[in-house]
């Protein structure tokens, strides 16, 4: 039996995940399924699993990619991973430094450990609060939209000339999956071609709006106007109130200018700063702003957007094979269809803020407005405060709740789902 004194050598799941440079959810999966050949001693102390520090360091040194899970991301050095741990006690930091030095602590490691020990006194309460807020955000997000994991299907829109998906859509997918690119690279990511050959089962996430994601254009009943964009049916079957104005012939588009930003992979993106409109109120117009920063994209100097409107829609998944099995009678058996779209890719990528401590207040307000038994709904968020990370990629730093629209079977009758399913499957030749 491990004594209380010995527990100083054991880390929590979250701390162990930092040492291994993986997500804590993923580490939990590996522990349960024993997918790794190496063994890490662990105990249950205070009601939670703890992992032996020495074993973690050895495992990290022997397999720095954690079974190739981290092959897409830049690896933290082991010493940097230890330095990243702020919400731990000073004795642990000293022990960690000793493990890195092979048991003999160097002057540098000792100095770093001392500094971190002082920092700990100031930051532990704040770090604990942020950790609680993040978990709270995750819990509410999953209540509203579902627990995204490898059991869901993901559709990231059309393939571009570079042979891949929209760069920001890919990043958004990885973001909502909590940094687990393993799932986004798996067969659960469905292209238009894959959708055509495979009947989707259960829950599904679609990322992007009508310009970049044809299925959204079909389901929202947009019709192409060629170079002028799209126009939406005057009386669509899905009477979803919130949508982006993509009709270049609409008078309200005349004052809209282009914006540019650095996308997730470092390439440049550019689009019109399209307003968000309300199907039920023509005078409702949310127009995004322009930041003072400008960049040159394709020879044109444009402003970086100062904010974006982000809309997340939850519907019964009328495209799933469960719909056919059920014959379209009970929406609760079809799975969920989640559509994430924003003014542009920069805003779409910012959906990941909702799964951090930053999204807590916005999610609390959204949850208050949406009954637990809602048939379908849309949530409108505003993302703002653009900044650049070290690589030069633009990101939004804040997210606010704006409003929501709850839809009942009166607004979305079952007969409409049946008609719309036939339209989408017929147009895209999808598997039914």
Foldseek 3Di string as FASTA:
>chain_A
DDDPVRCLQWAFLCLLCLLLVHDSVVVVVCVVVVPDPADWDWDQDPNGIITGNLSSNVVCVVCVCVVVQCVPDDGDDNVVSLLPDQQDALVSQVVNQCSVVVNDHDPVSVVSSVVSNVSSVVCNVVVVVQVVLLVLLQVLCCLVARQDDLVEAEEEFAADPVGHGDQLSLLLVCLSRPNRCVSVPDPSYAHLVNQLVDFGAAAYEYEEAVVGHVLNCLLQAWDQPPPQFTDHDLDALQQAFKDWDGGNVDPVQPPWDKAKFQGPVRDIDIDTQIWIGTSVDRPDTHTWAFDPDWDADPNDIHTHTQKKKKKKKKAQPLRHVQCVVVVLDDSVRRHIYIYIYMSDSQHSSQVSCSSGSQNNVQSVVVPVVDDSPFNIKMWIKMFGDWDADPSRGIHTDHIHTDDMDTDDCVSNPSVSSVVSNCRSCVVSSGDD
